Structures are given as structure tokens and as C-alpha cells.
Amino acid sequence: MAHQTATIRTMTPGCGAEVLGVDLANPSNSDMETIRAAYRDYGVIFFRDQKLTPEQHIA
């Protein structure tokens, strides 16, 4: 599967943003930069449909 580039979609002005196009089980360095920037800018970020083991979730 080809790697998608992580993108950010604002949810609402007061409710953070959704991170799209990222596999949290195997994020690229670019994905991590995007995620950190989104967290810094929005304070709360959401990820849908991630398939993580309990160990991956903790890491």
C-alpha cells in the first residue's frame, strides 16, 4: 500500500482537529511532524479507524 500524507481537518473552532491519512501503527517522520504541529495548533486531535494493539496504543 502506498503511503498517504497526513492531513489535518479542523473539526469546529473550539473542538480541535482530525488527522487523516496516517497509520499510527507505522507513522513516517513526516506524519509525526504533522501530528505534533496539529497538537500544538489545536490542542486536541482525533484519529479515526486506527487498528492498534494495546502495546502500540501505550507507545
C-alpha atoms as a PDB file:
ATOM      1  CA  MET A   1       0.000   0.000   0.000  1.00  0.00           C
ATOM      2  CA  ALA A   2       1.324   3.434  -0.926  1.00  0.00           C
ATOM      3  CA  HIS A   3       1.917   5.829   1.930  1.00  0.00           C
ATOM      4  CA  GLN A   4      -0.578   8.675   2.208  1.00  0.00           C
ATOM      5  CA  THR A   5       0.444  12.050   3.508  1.00  0.00           C
ATOM      6  CA  ALA A   6      -1.174  13.021   6.802  1.00  0.00           C
ATOM      7  CA  THR A   7      -3.569  15.939   6.506  1.00  0.00           C
ATOM      8  CA  ILE A   8      -5.430  17.993   9.102  1.00  0.00           C
ATOM      9  CA  ARG A   9      -9.131  18.872   9.058  1.00  0.00           C
ATOM     10  CA  THR A  10     -10.471  21.373  11.593  1.00  0.00           C
ATOM     11  CA  MET A  11     -13.473  19.922  13.431  1.00  0.00           C
ATOM     12  CA  THR A  12     -15.020  23.118  14.840  1.00  0.00           C
ATOM     13  CA  PRO A  13     -13.441  26.338  16.077  1.00  0.00           C
ATOM     14  CA  GLY A  14     -13.477  25.074  19.675  1.00  0.00           C
ATOM     15  CA  CYS A  15     -13.037  21.330  19.256  1.00  0.00           C
ATOM     16  CA  GLY A  16      -9.652  20.519  17.760  1.00  0.00           C
ATOM     17  CA  ALA A  17      -8.865  18.762  14.502  1.00  0.00           C
ATOM     18  CA  GLU A  18      -8.929  15.366  12.835  1.00  0.00           C
ATOM     19  CA  VAL A  19      -5.751  13.824  11.452  1.00  0.00           C
ATOM     20  CA  LEU A  20      -6.417  11.942   8.209  1.00  0.00           C
ATOM     21  CA  GLY A  21      -4.285   9.644   6.078  1.00  0.00           C
ATOM     22  CA  VAL A  22      -1.979   8.334   8.800  1.00  0.00           C
ATOM     23  CA  ASP A  23      -1.402   4.808  10.100  1.00  0.00           C
ATOM     24  CA  LEU A  24      -0.482   5.238  13.761  1.00  0.00           C
ATOM     25  CA  ALA A  25       0.903   1.695  13.850  1.00  0.00           C
ATOM     26  CA  ASN A  26       3.640   2.788  11.437  1.00  0.00           C
ATOM     27  CA  PRO A  27       3.845   6.599  11.094  1.00  0.00           C
ATOM     28  CA  SER A  28       6.521   8.218   8.953  1.00  0.00           C
ATOM     29  CA  ASN A  29       8.723  11.034  10.245  1.00  0.00           C
ATOM     30  CA  SER A  30       6.658  13.435   8.141  1.00  0.00           C
ATOM     31  CA  ASP A  31       3.441  12.111   9.718  1.00  0.00           C
ATOM     32  CA  MET A  32       4.873  12.656  13.193  1.00  0.00           C
ATOM     33  CA  GLU A  33       5.816  16.252  12.350  1.00  0.00           C
ATOM     34  CA  THR A  34       2.271  16.862  11.078  1.00  0.00           C
ATOM     35  CA  ILE A  35       0.752  15.262  14.204  1.00  0.00           C
ATOM     36  CA  ARG A  36       2.935  17.323  16.557  1.00  0.00           C
ATOM     37  CA  ALA A  37       2.070  20.533  14.694  1.00  0.00           C
ATOM     38  CA  ALA A  38      -1.652  19.713  14.807  1.00  0.00           C
ATOM     39  CA  TYR A  39      -1.489  19.021  18.541  1.00  0.00           C
ATOM     40  CA  ARG A  40       0.400  22.269  19.107  1.00  0.00           C
ATOM     41  CA  ASP A  41      -2.043  24.275  16.972  1.00  0.00           C
ATOM     42  CA  TYR A  42      -5.356  22.672  18.040  1.00  0.00           C
ATOM     43  CA  GLY A  43      -4.710  21.196  21.493  1.00  0.00           C
ATOM     44  CA  VAL A  44      -6.972  18.202  20.795  1.00  0.00           C
ATOM     45  CA  ILE A  45      -6.594  15.886  17.804  1.00  0.00           C
ATOM     46  CA  PHE A  46      -8.674  12.907  16.678  1.00  0.00           C
ATOM     47  CA  PHE A  47      -7.703   9.787  14.722  1.00  0.00           C
ATOM     48  CA  ARG A  48     -10.403   7.554  13.220  1.00  0.00           C
ATOM     49  CA  ASP A  49     -10.287   3.850  12.401  1.00  0.00           C
ATOM     50  CA  GLN A  50      -6.868   3.022  13.836  1.00  0.00           C
ATOM     51  CA  LYS A  51      -6.071  -0.643  14.418  1.00  0.00           C
ATOM     52  CA  LEU A  52      -3.582  -0.620  17.288  1.00  0.00           C
ATOM     53  CA  THR A  53      -2.556  -3.286  19.753  1.00  0.00           C
ATOM     54  CA  PRO A  54      -2.622  -2.300  23.441  1.00  0.00           C
ATOM     55  CA  GLU A  55       1.180  -2.040  23.320  1.00  0.00           C
ATOM     56  CA  GLN A  56       1.099   0.282  20.292  1.00  0.00           C
ATOM     57  CA  HIS A  57      -1.561   2.407  21.954  1.00  0.00           C
ATOM     58  CA  ILE A  58       0.646   2.924  25.020  1.00  0.00           C
ATOM     59  CA  ALA A  59       3.761   3.722  22.981  1.00  0.00           C
END
